Each structure stands twice: as C-alpha cells, then as structure tokens.
Amino acid sequence: MFARLSKRASQILSERASQTKIDIQEAQSIADQIIEISKKPQRFRKPYETKILVDGLRNIKFFQEQFENHYEGMIEDVAENAKLQMFNKHDHIIRQDTYGDIFYILIKGEAKVLKRVVTYLGSETGKKGKKKEKYHEIIKEIKTLNDGDYFGELALLEKKPRGADVVCVQDCYCLTLDKESFERIMATKTKRQFLHQIDTLSSNSILKELSKQTVKALFMIMERKVYNYGDIVYRQNDPGNCLYFILEGEFKMYTTIEVEPELDDVSAIRKKQIEVCILTTNETMGLQEFLDEKRREWRAECLSQVGVCLQIRQSRLQKNRKSIPRCC
C-alpha cells in the first residue's frame, strides 16, 4: 500500500515538474516572439503579430491604472509606439538621481534594482585646520526584475530624478515608451471618454430617438458626478431641478411613509423607508419631477462602490435651449 502511494506521489511530482517545464518554455517562446516582432517596423507587422504584442502588454498594471475603461484600444496604441532596446550584462539601464523620460518593460532577462543610501557622519578638521565633510555610502538591493516586470513609470508622470539604479544581471531586452509617445496616447483618452459617454447617452431610453448632434449639444451642458457607496444623490422633498443620466453603477430609490400605531397613541407614529426600485446604466433618475418642476418623491442613494452620472440642471437647459437642435 505504502509503495503504491509513494509511486503515485512520484508520478504527481513528475507531472507537475513536466508542466512547469512546459510553462517556462512557453513563456520563453512568447518572449522571443515579442522580441522578434518588436524588431520590425510597425507597418510591416502582420495582424497576428500585433495581437501577440498586445497580449504581451495586456497585464501591465501601470497601463491598467492609467487607461481605465479604454484599456483595449489604448494598449494597441502602446504596442504601435513601443520600441525595443537591448542591454548587455552589467549595463546600467537607468541611474539613480538622473532625469529620464522613458518607461521600461523587461521582456526577457534579469536586472537588479539598487539604491545608493548616503549617511552624513559629520565633519572633521584636518591638520591644516580645513573642515572635511564625512559620508558613508552603501548600496542596498531593493528587488530583482524578471520577465514581465516594468520600471521607470514615474518618468512618464512627473519631472523627478530616478529613485534607484537598474543594473542588468544578464543580457536584457526591454520594450520602451517615451514620455512624448505616452502623452500622445493619453491625449486620445479624453477623446475616447467623450465618444464613449456620447454612445452611452445615445443608448438612454429618453435620448435614443435624438440625433447624435443633439445628444452632443446636451452633453456639453451636463456635469459629471461621481458617487461612492451610500452617497445620497438627492433626498425626498428636495427641489426636482436636476436630471441624472446613469453612466455606471446602481442607484436605489427609497420613499418614506408614516406607519400608523396600533393604539391611539399619536406619539407612537414612526417613519419607515421602503425600497421602490434600483436603477442602473442607461437609465434616468428624477425625470418626472424634472419635467413637472416638482419636489422629489423619492430619495436616491448610490448602491455601487462607484456610481457615475451626468447631471443636467433645469436652469442650464433653459438658458441653452435655442442652441440645442431638435430638443423639445
């Protein structure tokens, strides 16, 4: 029995080792493909090669944070603008306290992040009475960078010196993106956000019959509002002078009623909140009160971690009515 268990355990370990070896080989193969594809000018790359390059960049957390909801389109722009750089063993890719404008993604190789820490020890007076400042410097290893790691991202965001050295432990292949290209890509984010919001607005049930020109005109007089979980958009009996178009998240509608006591005790009357409905993307909050210019019948509260709306005020709509084509 124990012999069979031991044999089975050996088989499992062998299978896992084989799978690990296959995974490593596949990762190395993909890295080599990305390197070869990156050597080609963008106009000579085939569609499947561009896809391989985009897939290789897809999980870079820095890009996910910067590009947000427009990630897929913008990561293709990165793939088009990224350039391949090769470094030899012991080369400094970046140096501490220098200024740079390049972001690096390590495709293949290994590098160390080293930080020089300087401690002031005071001063001493020499034989000729001249003071000399004394410092002690140590090199501290921060981390090891491997395939898929990235560094130098602060150079794209702010004008500050590099915080550490990055030194090659072996030959390294990096995809790089300079600040000018990054800013050009980020400039498209605003346009993408605008077009995305126009498309979302056009899908709204009360706007979908309007022309894109009219929707754009309405968008220009709207305000973007961001709510967190539990935030109140408006309360019952508030003025109904604003209309809300939901772009993202869920919002719960409540109404408050008075519950009659069982006994003839007026002081026992209490108020109770009742959930009316939940509204989500492409729906509208406060339409009827907005049209009738009445006070709010319900309370609106954000139900998601983050909720995003476009708000239009009655006063702004009246002021700009003539400039909005085909808007009743």
C-alpha atoms as a PDB file:
ATOM      1  CA  MET A   1       0.000   0.000   0.000  1.00  0.00           C
ATOM      2  CA  PHE A   2       2.730   2.483   1.021  1.00  0.00           C
ATOM      3  CA  ALA A   3       4.721   1.504  -2.053  1.00  0.00           C
ATOM      4  CA  ARG A   4       1.739   2.342  -4.293  1.00  0.00           C
ATOM      5  CA  LEU A   5       1.230   5.692  -2.546  1.00  0.00           C
ATOM      6  CA  SER A   6       4.923   6.507  -2.900  1.00  0.00           C
ATOM      7  CA  LYS A   7       4.829   5.624  -6.602  1.00  0.00           C
ATOM      8  CA  ARG A   8       1.710   7.766  -7.159  1.00  0.00           C
ATOM      9  CA  ALA A   9       3.311  10.695  -5.304  1.00  0.00           C
ATOM     10  CA  SER A  10       6.391  10.393  -7.520  1.00  0.00           C
ATOM     11  CA  GLN A  11       4.162  10.409 -10.619  1.00  0.00           C
ATOM     12  CA  ILE A  12       2.346  13.556  -9.445  1.00  0.00           C
ATOM     13  CA  LEU A  13       5.636  15.359  -8.747  1.00  0.00           C
ATOM     14  CA  SER A  14       6.959  14.277 -12.137  1.00  0.00           C
ATOM     15  CA  GLU A  15       3.792  15.535 -13.890  1.00  0.00           C
ATOM     16  CA  ARG A  16       3.994  18.875 -12.085  1.00  0.00           C
ATOM     17  CA  ALA A  17       7.665  19.247 -12.957  1.00  0.00           C
ATOM     18  CA  SER A  18       6.892  18.494 -16.613  1.00  0.00           C
ATOM     19  CA  GLN A  19       4.045  21.028 -16.656  1.00  0.00           C
ATOM     20  CA  THR A  20       6.273  23.665 -15.037  1.00  0.00           C
ATOM     21  CA  LYS A  21       8.934  22.988 -17.665  1.00  0.00           C
ATOM     22  CA  ILE A  22       6.319  23.383 -20.439  1.00  0.00           C
ATOM     23  CA  ASP A  23       5.050  26.652 -18.903  1.00  0.00           C
ATOM     24  CA  ILE A  24       8.595  28.040 -18.743  1.00  0.00           C
ATOM     25  CA  GLN A  25       9.264  27.005 -22.341  1.00  0.00           C
ATOM     26  CA  GLU A  26       6.024  28.645 -23.499  1.00  0.00           C
ATOM     27  CA  ALA A  27       6.864  31.856 -21.617  1.00  0.00           C
ATOM     28  CA  GLN A  28      10.337  31.903 -23.162  1.00  0.00           C
ATOM     29  CA  SER A  29       8.841  31.261 -26.590  1.00  0.00           C
ATOM     30  CA  ILE A  30       6.395  34.173 -26.228  1.00  0.00           C
ATOM     31  CA  ALA A  31       9.182  36.476 -25.039  1.00  0.00           C
ATOM     32  CA  ASP A  32      11.299  35.528 -28.065  1.00  0.00           C
ATOM     33  CA  GLN A  33       8.323  36.149 -30.374  1.00  0.00           C
ATOM     34  CA  ILE A  34       7.730  39.600 -28.860  1.00  0.00           C
ATOM     35  CA  ILE A  35      11.412  40.445 -29.319  1.00  0.00           C
ATOM     36  CA  GLU A  36      11.406  39.408 -32.983  1.00  0.00           C
ATOM     37  CA  ILE A  37       8.118  41.219 -33.689  1.00  0.00           C
ATOM     38  CA  SER A  38       9.382  44.396 -31.981  1.00  0.00           C
ATOM     39  CA  LYS A  39      12.394  44.465 -34.286  1.00  0.00           C
ATOM     40  CA  LYS A  40      10.063  45.025 -37.237  1.00  0.00           C
ATOM     41  CA  PRO A  41       8.757  48.496 -38.120  1.00  0.00           C
ATOM     42  CA  GLN A  42       5.085  48.764 -37.177  1.00  0.00           C
ATOM     43  CA  ARG A  43       3.894  48.994 -40.786  1.00  0.00           C
ATOM     44  CA  PHE A  44       5.473  45.622 -41.637  1.00  0.00           C
ATOM     45  CA  ARG A  45       3.839  43.683 -38.793  1.00  0.00           C
ATOM     46  CA  LYS A  46       1.089  41.210 -39.588  1.00  0.00           C
ATOM     47  CA  PRO A  47      -2.223  41.341 -37.653  1.00  0.00           C
ATOM     48  CA  TYR A  48      -1.459  38.172 -35.668  1.00  0.00           C
ATOM     49  CA  GLU A  49       1.958  39.620 -34.701  1.00  0.00           C
ATOM     50  CA  THR A  50       0.336  42.800 -33.418  1.00  0.00           C
ATOM     51  CA  LYS A  51      -2.042  40.638 -31.358  1.00  0.00           C
ATOM     52  CA  ILE A  52       0.890  38.761 -29.794  1.00  0.00           C
ATOM     53  CA  LEU A  53       2.489  42.079 -28.879  1.00  0.00           C
ATOM     54  CA  VAL A  54      -0.755  43.471 -27.422  1.00  0.00           C
ATOM     55  CA  ASP A  55      -1.309  40.279 -25.375  1.00  0.00           C
ATOM     56  CA  GLY A  56       2.230  40.624 -24.002  1.00  0.00           C
ATOM     57  CA  LEU A  57       1.429  44.147 -22.767  1.00  0.00           C
ATOM     58  CA  ARG A  58      -2.093  43.423 -21.552  1.00  0.00           C
ATOM     59  CA  ASN A  59      -1.281  42.626 -17.894  1.00  0.00           C
ATOM     60  CA  ILE A  60       0.953  45.624 -17.198  1.00  0.00           C
ATOM     61  CA  LYS A  61      -0.682  47.088 -14.087  1.00  0.00           C
ATOM     62  CA  PHE A  62       0.592  50.610 -14.787  1.00  0.00           C
ATOM     63  CA  PHE A  63      -1.312  50.734 -18.093  1.00  0.00           C
ATOM     64  CA  GLN A  64      -4.435  49.246 -16.498  1.00  0.00           C
ATOM     65  CA  GLU A  65      -4.458  52.042 -13.904  1.00  0.00           C
ATOM     66  CA  GLN A  66      -3.796  54.841 -16.401  1.00  0.00           C
ATOM     67  CA  PHE A  67      -6.083  53.748 -19.234  1.00  0.00           C
ATOM     68  CA  GLU A  68      -9.044  52.519 -17.123  1.00  0.00           C
ATOM     69  CA  ASN A  69     -12.142  51.752 -19.229  1.00  0.00           C
ATOM     70  CA  HIS A  70     -10.379  52.498 -22.531  1.00  0.00           C
ATOM     71  CA  TYR A  71      -7.680  49.910 -21.937  1.00  0.00           C
ATOM     72  CA  GLU A  72      -8.070  47.714 -25.031  1.00  0.00           C
ATOM     73  CA  GLY A  73      -7.851  50.495 -27.591  1.00  0.00           C
ATOM     74  CA  MET A  74      -5.053  52.340 -25.835  1.00  0.00           C
ATOM     75  CA  ILE A  75      -2.886  49.255 -25.275  1.00  0.00           C
ATOM     76  CA  GLU A  76      -2.873  48.835 -29.064  1.00  0.00           C
ATOM     77  CA  ASP A  77      -1.501  52.375 -29.291  1.00  0.00           C
ATOM     78  CA  VAL A  78       1.256  51.393 -26.845  1.00  0.00           C
ATOM     79  CA  ALA A  79       2.120  48.348 -28.969  1.00  0.00           C
ATOM     80  CA  GLU A  80       2.460  50.607 -32.011  1.00  0.00           C
ATOM     81  CA  ASN A  81       4.699  53.138 -30.230  1.00  0.00           C
ATOM     82  CA  ALA A  82       6.874  50.869 -28.048  1.00  0.00           C
ATOM     83  CA  LYS A  83      10.484  50.393 -29.161  1.00  0.00           C
ATOM     84  CA  LEU A  84      12.871  47.523 -28.423  1.00  0.00           C
ATOM     85  CA  GLN A  85      16.121  48.236 -26.565  1.00  0.00           C
ATOM     86  CA  MET A  86      18.833  45.675 -25.766  1.00  0.00           C
ATOM     87  CA  PHE A  87      21.256  45.893 -22.849  1.00  0.00           C
ATOM     88  CA  ASN A  88      24.312  43.792 -22.035  1.00  0.00           C
ATOM     89  CA  LYS A  89      25.123  42.119 -18.730  1.00  0.00           C
ATOM     90  CA  HIS A  90      26.309  44.686 -16.111  1.00  0.00           C
ATOM     91  CA  ASP A  91      24.857  47.630 -18.103  1.00  0.00           C
ATOM     92  CA  HIS A  92      23.057  50.364 -16.198  1.00  0.00           C
ATOM     93  CA  ILE A  93      19.590  50.758 -17.735  1.00  0.00           C
ATOM     94  CA  ILE A  94      18.833  53.749 -15.517  1.00  0.00           C
ATOM     95  CA  ARG A  95      20.930  55.567 -12.917  1.00  0.00           C
ATOM     96  CA  GLN A  96      19.805  56.968  -9.603  1.00  0.00           C
ATOM     97  CA  ASP A  97      19.383  60.772  -9.350  1.00  0.00           C
ATOM     98  CA  THR A  98      19.399  61.273 -13.127  1.00  0.00           C
ATOM     99  CA  TYR A  99      16.402  62.561 -15.079  1.00  0.00           C
ATOM    100  CA  GLY A 100      14.755  60.422 -17.724  1.00  0.00           C
ATOM    101  CA  ASP A 101      11.682  60.280 -19.921  1.00  0.00           C
ATOM    102  CA  ILE A 102      11.494  56.563 -20.730  1.00  0.00           C
ATOM    103  CA  PHE A 103       9.383  53.742 -19.254  1.00  0.00           C
ATOM    104  CA  TYR A 104      10.742  50.183 -19.490  1.00  0.00           C
ATOM    105  CA  ILE A 105       9.087  46.767 -19.701  1.00  0.00           C
ATOM    106  CA  LEU A 106      11.503  43.867 -19.238  1.00  0.00           C
ATOM    107  CA  ILE A 107      10.601  41.289 -21.897  1.00  0.00           C
ATOM    108  CA  LYS A 108      13.493  38.919 -21.333  1.00  0.00           C
ATOM    109  CA  GLY A 109      16.395  38.907 -18.894  1.00  0.00           C
ATOM    110  CA  GLU A 110      17.102  39.754 -15.268  1.00  0.00           C
ATOM    111  CA  ALA A 111      18.047  43.003 -13.566  1.00  0.00           C
ATOM    112  CA  LYS A 112      18.584  44.312 -10.049  1.00  0.00           C
ATOM    113  CA  VAL A 113      17.158  47.461  -8.542  1.00  0.00           C
ATOM    114  CA  LEU A 114      19.908  49.029  -6.421  1.00  0.00           C
ATOM    115  CA  LYS A 115      19.599  52.114  -4.238  1.00  0.00           C
ATOM    116  CA  ARG A 116      22.564  54.112  -3.017  1.00  0.00           C
ATOM    117  CA  VAL A 117      21.961  55.268   0.562  1.00  0.00           C
ATOM    118  CA  VAL A 118      24.251  58.051   1.778  1.00  0.00           C
ATOM    119  CA  THR A 119      24.569  58.828   5.513  1.00  0.00           C
ATOM    120  CA  TYR A 120      26.128  62.042   6.766  1.00  0.00           C
ATOM    121  CA  LEU A 121      28.670  61.286   9.507  1.00  0.00           C
ATOM    122  CA  GLY A 122      29.598  64.840  10.368  1.00  0.00           C
ATOM    123  CA  SER A 123      32.783  66.783   9.697  1.00  0.00           C
ATOM    124  CA  GLU A 124      36.362  66.649  10.899  1.00  0.00           C
ATOM    125  CA  THR A 125      39.182  69.175  10.923  1.00  0.00           C
ATOM    126  CA  GLY A 126      42.345  68.283   9.082  1.00  0.00           C
ATOM    127  CA  LYS A 127      45.934  69.079  10.011  1.00  0.00           C
ATOM    128  CA  LYS A 128      45.752  72.417   8.200  1.00  0.00           C
ATOM    129  CA  GLY A 129      42.548  73.351  10.006  1.00  0.00           C
ATOM    130  CA  LYS A 130      40.357  72.711   6.987  1.00  0.00           C
ATOM    131  CA  LYS A 131      36.985  71.067   7.645  1.00  0.00           C
ATOM    132  CA  LYS A 132      36.090  67.965   5.689  1.00  0.00           C
ATOM    133  CA  GLU A 133      32.578  66.509   5.439  1.00  0.00           C
ATOM    134  CA  LYS A 134      32.327  62.753   6.025  1.00  0.00           C
ATOM    135  CA  TYR A 135      29.728  60.483   4.391  1.00  0.00           C
ATOM    136  CA  HIS A 136      29.099  56.768   4.356  1.00  0.00           C
ATOM    137  CA  GLU A 137      27.552  55.183   1.265  1.00  0.00           C
ATOM    138  CA  ILE A 138      26.020  51.732   0.985  1.00  0.00           C
ATOM    139  CA  ILE A 139      24.356  50.002  -1.960  1.00  0.00           C
ATOM    140  CA  LYS A 140      21.032  48.440  -0.979  1.00  0.00           C
ATOM    141  CA  GLU A 141      19.406  45.815  -3.191  1.00  0.00           C
ATOM    142  CA  ILE A 142      15.692  46.598  -3.436  1.00  0.00           C
ATOM    143  CA  LYS A 143      14.380  43.864  -5.719  1.00  0.00           C
ATOM    144  CA  THR A 144      15.044  41.619  -8.699  1.00  0.00           C
ATOM    145  CA  LEU A 145      13.297  42.280 -12.003  1.00  0.00           C
ATOM    146  CA  ASN A 146      12.330  39.401 -14.282  1.00  0.00           C
ATOM    147  CA  ASP A 147      10.375  38.858 -17.496  1.00  0.00           C
ATOM    148  CA  GLY A 148       7.186  40.969 -17.495  1.00  0.00           C
ATOM    149  CA  ASP A 149       8.307  43.418 -14.791  1.00  0.00           C
ATOM    150  CA  TYR A 150       8.380  47.144 -15.503  1.00  0.00           C
ATOM    151  CA  PHE A 151      10.147  50.203 -14.102  1.00  0.00           C
ATOM    152  CA  GLY A 152      10.691  53.922 -14.702  1.00  0.00           C
ATOM    153  CA  GLU A 153       6.975  54.738 -14.877  1.00  0.00           C
ATOM    154  CA  LEU A 154       7.346  57.916 -12.777  1.00  0.00           C
ATOM    155  CA  ALA A 155       9.349  59.449 -15.626  1.00  0.00           C
ATOM    156  CA  LEU A 156       6.126  59.498 -17.651  1.00  0.00           C
ATOM    157  CA  LEU A 157       4.055  61.154 -14.939  1.00  0.00           C
ATOM    158  CA  GLU A 158       6.276  63.768 -13.277  1.00  0.00           C
ATOM    159  CA  LYS A 159       9.620  65.527 -13.611  1.00  0.00           C
ATOM    160  CA  LYS A 160      11.607  63.864 -10.832  1.00  0.00           C
ATOM    161  CA  PRO A 161      15.005  62.164 -10.736  1.00  0.00           C
ATOM    162  CA  ARG A 162      15.257  58.388 -10.839  1.00  0.00           C
ATOM    163  CA  GLY A 163      14.976  56.824  -7.399  1.00  0.00           C
ATOM    164  CA  ALA A 164      17.387  53.906  -7.933  1.00  0.00           C
ATOM    165  CA  ASP A 165      19.812  52.196 -10.305  1.00  0.00           C
ATOM    166  CA  VAL A 166      18.640  49.341 -12.504  1.00  0.00           C
ATOM    167  CA  VAL A 167      21.557  47.085 -13.465  1.00  0.00           C
ATOM    168  CA  CYS A 168      21.475  44.073 -15.791  1.00  0.00           C
ATOM    169  CA  VAL A 169      22.339  40.736 -14.187  1.00  0.00           C
ATOM    170  CA  GLN A 170      22.226  39.176 -17.666  1.00  0.00           C
ATOM    171  CA  ASP A 171      21.505  40.410 -21.178  1.00  0.00           C
ATOM    172  CA  CYS A 172      18.139  42.212 -21.147  1.00  0.00           C
ATOM    173  CA  TYR A 173      15.550  43.002 -23.806  1.00  0.00           C
ATOM    174  CA  CYS A 174      13.152  45.827 -22.962  1.00  0.00           C
ATOM    175  CA  LEU A 175      10.189  47.441 -24.644  1.00  0.00           C
ATOM    176  CA  THR A 176      10.367  51.182 -24.031  1.00  0.00           C
ATOM    177  CA  LEU A 177       7.855  54.010 -24.240  1.00  0.00           C
ATOM    178  CA  ASP A 178       8.995  57.633 -24.139  1.00  0.00           C
ATOM    179  CA  LYS A 179       7.135  60.490 -22.471  1.00  0.00           C
ATOM    180  CA  GLU A 180       6.140  62.154 -25.754  1.00  0.00           C
ATOM    181  CA  SER A 181       4.501  58.966 -27.056  1.00  0.00           C
ATOM    182  CA  PHE A 182       2.806  58.321 -23.700  1.00  0.00           C
ATOM    183  CA  GLU A 183       1.351  61.837 -23.575  1.00  0.00           C
ATOM    184  CA  ARG A 184       0.120  61.490 -27.152  1.00  0.00           C
ATOM    185  CA  ILE A 185      -1.601  58.208 -26.229  1.00  0.00           C
ATOM    186  CA  MET A 186      -3.087  59.732 -23.068  1.00  0.00           C
ATOM    187  CA  ALA A 187      -4.426  62.638 -25.144  1.00  0.00           C
ATOM    188  CA  THR A 188      -6.581  60.137 -27.026  1.00  0.00           C
ATOM    189  CA  LYS A 189      -8.068  59.014 -23.705  1.00  0.00           C
ATOM    190  CA  THR A 190     -10.057  62.262 -23.400  1.00  0.00           C
ATOM    191  CA  LYS A 191     -11.444  61.790 -26.899  1.00  0.00           C
ATOM    192  CA  ARG A 192     -12.240  58.132 -26.204  1.00  0.00           C
ATOM    193  CA  GLN A 193     -14.010  59.106 -22.955  1.00  0.00           C
ATOM    194  CA  PHE A 194     -16.046  61.736 -24.790  1.00  0.00           C
ATOM    195  CA  LEU A 195     -17.129  59.330 -27.551  1.00  0.00           C
ATOM    196  CA  HIS A 196     -17.875  56.588 -25.006  1.00  0.00           C
ATOM    197  CA  GLN A 197     -20.084  58.908 -22.965  1.00  0.00           C
ATOM    198  CA  ILE A 198     -21.893  60.112 -26.087  1.00  0.00           C
ATOM    199  CA  ASP A 199     -22.550  56.488 -27.094  1.00  0.00           C
ATOM    200  CA  THR A 200     -23.818  55.670 -23.590  1.00  0.00           C
ATOM    201  CA  LEU A 201     -26.083  58.726 -23.575  1.00  0.00           C
ATOM    202  CA  SER A 202     -27.427  57.841 -27.020  1.00  0.00           C
ATOM    203  CA  SER A 203     -28.477  54.448 -25.636  1.00  0.00           C
ATOM    204  CA  ASN A 204     -30.570  56.049 -22.883  1.00  0.00           C
ATOM    205  CA  SER A 205     -34.275  55.332 -23.301  1.00  0.00           C
ATOM    206  CA  ILE A 206     -35.299  59.012 -23.390  1.00  0.00           C
ATOM    207  CA  LEU A 207     -32.454  60.127 -25.706  1.00  0.00           C
ATOM    208  CA  LYS A 208     -32.124  57.268 -28.185  1.00  0.00           C
ATOM    209  CA  GLU A 209     -34.562  58.890 -30.645  1.00  0.00           C
ATOM    210  CA  LEU A 210     -32.498  62.091 -30.765  1.00  0.00           C
ATOM    211  CA  SER A 211     -29.724  62.758 -33.274  1.00  0.00           C
ATOM    212  CA  LYS A 212     -26.066  62.451 -32.270  1.00  0.00           C
ATOM    213  CA  GLN A 213     -25.758  66.204 -32.811  1.00  0.00           C
ATOM    214  CA  THR A 214     -28.491  66.888 -30.261  1.00  0.00           C
ATOM    215  CA  VAL A 215     -27.025  64.419 -27.742  1.00  0.00           C
ATOM    216  CA  LYS A 216     -23.610  66.093 -28.079  1.00  0.00           C
ATOM    217  CA  ALA A 217     -25.190  69.504 -27.502  1.00  0.00           C
ATOM    218  CA  LEU A 218     -26.898  68.209 -24.345  1.00  0.00           C
ATOM    219  CA  PHE A 219     -23.668  66.591 -23.174  1.00  0.00           C
ATOM    220  CA  MET A 220     -21.870  69.941 -23.358  1.00  0.00           C
ATOM    221  CA  ILE A 221     -24.178  71.446 -20.700  1.00  0.00           C
ATOM    222  CA  MET A 222     -24.044  68.417 -18.372  1.00  0.00           C
ATOM    223  CA  GLU A 223     -21.877  67.932 -15.286  1.00  0.00           C
ATOM    224  CA  ARG A 224     -20.157  64.646 -14.466  1.00  0.00           C
ATOM    225  CA  LYS A 225     -20.925  63.434 -10.933  1.00  0.00           C
ATOM    226  CA  VAL A 226     -19.139  60.574  -9.147  1.00  0.00           C
ATOM    227  CA  TYR A 227     -20.697  58.889  -6.099  1.00  0.00           C
ATOM    228  CA  ASN A 228     -19.422  56.280  -3.667  1.00  0.00           C
ATOM    229  CA  TYR A 229     -21.423  53.586  -1.887  1.00  0.00           C
ATOM    230  CA  GLY A 230     -24.047  55.148   0.388  1.00  0.00           C
ATOM    231  CA  ASP A 231     -23.792  58.664  -1.052  1.00  0.00           C
ATOM    232  CA  ILE A 232     -27.112  60.497  -1.366  1.00  0.00           C
ATOM    233  CA  VAL A 233     -27.834  61.930  -4.822  1.00  0.00           C
ATOM    234  CA  TYR A 234     -30.972  63.740  -3.649  1.00  0.00           C
ATOM    235  CA  ARG A 235     -33.461  63.444  -0.787  1.00  0.00           C
ATOM    236  CA  GLN A 236     -37.224  63.172  -0.671  1.00  0.00           C
ATOM    237  CA  ASN A 237     -38.833  66.640  -0.988  1.00  0.00           C
ATOM    238  CA  ASP A 238     -35.673  68.227  -2.468  1.00  0.00           C
ATOM    239  CA  PRO A 239     -36.301  70.505  -5.489  1.00  0.00           C
ATOM    240  CA  GLY A 240     -36.576  68.478  -8.711  1.00  0.00           C
ATOM    241  CA  ASN A 241     -34.456  70.858 -10.762  1.00  0.00           C
ATOM    242  CA  CYS A 242     -31.838  68.328 -11.899  1.00  0.00           C
ATOM    243  CA  LEU A 243     -31.989  65.256 -14.136  1.00  0.00           C
ATOM    244  CA  TYR A 244     -29.457  62.407 -13.852  1.00  0.00           C
ATOM    245  CA  PHE A 245     -28.320  60.048 -16.621  1.00  0.00           C
ATOM    246  CA  ILE A 246     -26.581  56.966 -15.183  1.00  0.00           C
ATOM    247  CA  LEU A 247     -23.322  56.044 -16.930  1.00  0.00           C
ATOM    248  CA  GLU A 248     -22.055  53.497 -14.434  1.00  0.00           C
ATOM    249  CA  GLY A 249     -23.206  51.741 -11.262  1.00  0.00           C
ATOM    250  CA  GLU A 250     -26.532  51.162  -9.493  1.00  0.00           C
ATOM    251  CA  PHE A 251     -28.728  53.569  -7.544  1.00  0.00           C
ATOM    252  CA  LYS A 252     -31.509  52.646  -5.126  1.00  0.00           C
ATOM    253  CA  MET A 253     -34.732  54.647  -4.841  1.00  0.00           C
ATOM    254  CA  TYR A 254     -36.422  54.926  -1.426  1.00  0.00           C
ATOM    255  CA  THR A 255     -39.608  56.519  -0.197  1.00  0.00           C
ATOM    256  CA  THR A 256     -40.529  57.303   3.409  1.00  0.00           C
ATOM    257  CA  ILE A 257     -44.006  56.569   4.758  1.00  0.00           C
ATOM    258  CA  GLU A 258     -45.608  57.036   8.145  1.00  0.00           C
ATOM    259  CA  VAL A 259     -46.641  53.841   9.933  1.00  0.00           C
ATOM    260  CA  GLU A 260     -49.792  54.201  11.987  1.00  0.00           C
ATOM    261  CA  PRO A 261     -49.643  52.872  15.582  1.00  0.00           C
ATOM    262  CA  GLU A 262     -51.942  50.091  16.688  1.00  0.00           C
ATOM    263  CA  LEU A 263     -53.061  52.088  19.752  1.00  0.00           C
ATOM    264  CA  ASP A 264     -54.428  55.631  19.914  1.00  0.00           C
ATOM    265  CA  ASP A 265     -51.013  56.990  20.749  1.00  0.00           C
ATOM    266  CA  VAL A 266     -50.062  59.741  18.258  1.00  0.00           C
ATOM    267  CA  SER A 267     -46.530  59.884  19.649  1.00  0.00           C
ATOM    268  CA  ALA A 268     -46.049  56.281  18.521  1.00  0.00           C
ATOM    269  CA  ILE A 269     -46.279  57.220  14.820  1.00  0.00           C
ATOM    270  CA  ARG A 270     -42.988  56.307  13.147  1.00  0.00           C
ATOM    271  CA  LYS A 271     -41.485  56.643   9.720  1.00  0.00           C
ATOM    272  CA  LYS A 272     -40.419  53.705   7.589  1.00  0.00           C
ATOM    273  CA  GLN A 273     -38.244  53.604   4.476  1.00  0.00           C
ATOM    274  CA  ILE A 274     -39.445  51.450   1.593  1.00  0.00           C
ATOM    275  CA  GLU A 275     -37.301  50.468  -1.385  1.00  0.00           C
ATOM    276  CA  VAL A 276     -39.026  51.460  -4.636  1.00  0.00           C
ATOM    277  CA  CYS A 277     -36.608  50.261  -7.321  1.00  0.00           C
ATOM    278  CA  ILE A 278     -32.987  50.009  -8.434  1.00  0.00           C
ATOM    279  CA  LEU A 279     -31.792  51.978 -11.473  1.00  0.00           C
ATOM    280  CA  THR A 280     -28.632  51.245 -13.445  1.00  0.00           C
ATOM    281  CA  THR A 281     -26.640  52.134 -16.609  1.00  0.00           C
ATOM    282  CA  ASN A 282     -28.640  53.819 -19.397  1.00  0.00           C
ATOM    283  CA  GLU A 283     -31.481  54.687 -17.022  1.00  0.00           C
ATOM    284  CA  THR A 284     -32.504  58.089 -15.691  1.00  0.00           C
ATOM    285  CA  MET A 285     -33.118  59.420 -12.176  1.00  0.00           C
ATOM    286  CA  GLY A 286     -35.610  62.182 -11.363  1.00  0.00           C
ATOM    287  CA  LEU A 287     -37.232  62.533 -14.794  1.00  0.00           C
ATOM    288  CA  GLN A 288     -40.844  63.135 -13.770  1.00  0.00           C
ATOM    289  CA  GLU A 289     -40.061  65.771 -11.128  1.00  0.00           C
ATOM    290  CA  PHE A 290     -37.666  67.436 -13.586  1.00  0.00           C
ATOM    291  CA  LEU A 291     -40.358  67.716 -16.264  1.00  0.00           C
ATOM    292  CA  ASP A 292     -43.121  68.770 -13.847  1.00  0.00           C
ATOM    293  CA  GLU A 293     -40.828  71.033 -11.801  1.00  0.00           C
ATOM    294  CA  LYS A 294     -41.990  69.348  -8.601  1.00  0.00           C
ATOM    295  CA  ARG A 295     -40.210  68.228  -5.452  1.00  0.00           C
ATOM    296  CA  ARG A 296     -38.649  64.783  -5.185  1.00  0.00           C
ATOM    297  CA  GLU A 297     -40.984  61.923  -4.404  1.00  0.00           C
ATOM    298  CA  TRP A 298     -38.127  59.541  -3.578  1.00  0.00           C
ATOM    299  CA  ARG A 299     -34.636  59.533  -2.156  1.00  0.00           C
ATOM    300  CA  ALA A 300     -31.782  58.376  -4.457  1.00  0.00           C
ATOM    301  CA  GLU A 301     -28.746  56.611  -2.982  1.00  0.00           C
ATOM    302  CA  CYS A 302     -25.659  55.068  -4.605  1.00  0.00           C
ATOM    303  CA  LEU A 303     -25.674  51.282  -4.274  1.00  0.00           C
ATOM    304  CA  SER A 304     -22.346  50.531  -6.024  1.00  0.00           C
ATOM    305  CA  GLN A 305     -18.781  51.064  -4.860  1.00  0.00           C
ATOM    306  CA  VAL A 306     -18.625  53.767  -7.539  1.00  0.00           C
ATOM    307  CA  GLY A 307     -21.522  55.313  -9.452  1.00  0.00           C
ATOM    308  CA  VAL A 308     -21.155  57.834 -12.289  1.00  0.00           C
ATOM    309  CA  CYS A 309     -23.893  60.120 -13.608  1.00  0.00           C
ATOM    310  CA  LEU A 310     -24.255  63.053 -15.955  1.00  0.00           C
ATOM    311  CA  GLN A 311     -26.347  65.787 -14.363  1.00  0.00           C
ATOM    312  CA  ILE A 312     -28.289  68.433 -16.286  1.00  0.00           C
ATOM    313  CA  ARG A 313     -29.798  71.414 -14.498  1.00  0.00           C
ATOM    314  CA  GLN A 314     -33.143  72.930 -15.471  1.00  0.00           C
ATOM    315  CA  SER A 315     -31.614  76.420 -15.494  1.00  0.00           C
ATOM    316  CA  ARG A 316     -28.825  75.437 -17.906  1.00  0.00           C
ATOM    317  CA  LEU A 317     -31.261  73.640 -20.197  1.00  0.00           C
ATOM    318  CA  GLN A 318     -33.500  76.728 -20.369  1.00  0.00           C
ATOM    319  CA  LYS A 319     -30.527  79.020 -20.959  1.00  0.00           C
ATOM    320  CA  ASN A 320     -29.144  76.885 -23.806  1.00  0.00           C
ATOM    321  CA  ARG A 321     -32.414  75.619 -25.311  1.00  0.00           C
ATOM    322  CA  LYS A 322     -32.056  77.645 -28.532  1.00  0.00           C
ATOM    323  CA  SER A 323     -28.585  76.249 -29.223  1.00  0.00           C
ATOM    324  CA  ILE A 324     -29.710  72.608 -28.885  1.00  0.00           C
ATOM    325  CA  PRO A 325     -31.001  71.309 -32.234  1.00  0.00           C
ATOM    326  CA  ARG A 326     -34.300  69.368 -32.272  1.00  0.00           C
ATOM    327  CA  CYS A 327     -34.526  69.487 -28.494  1.00  0.00           C
ATOM    328  CA  CYS A 328     -38.029  69.978 -27.162  1.00  0.00           C
END
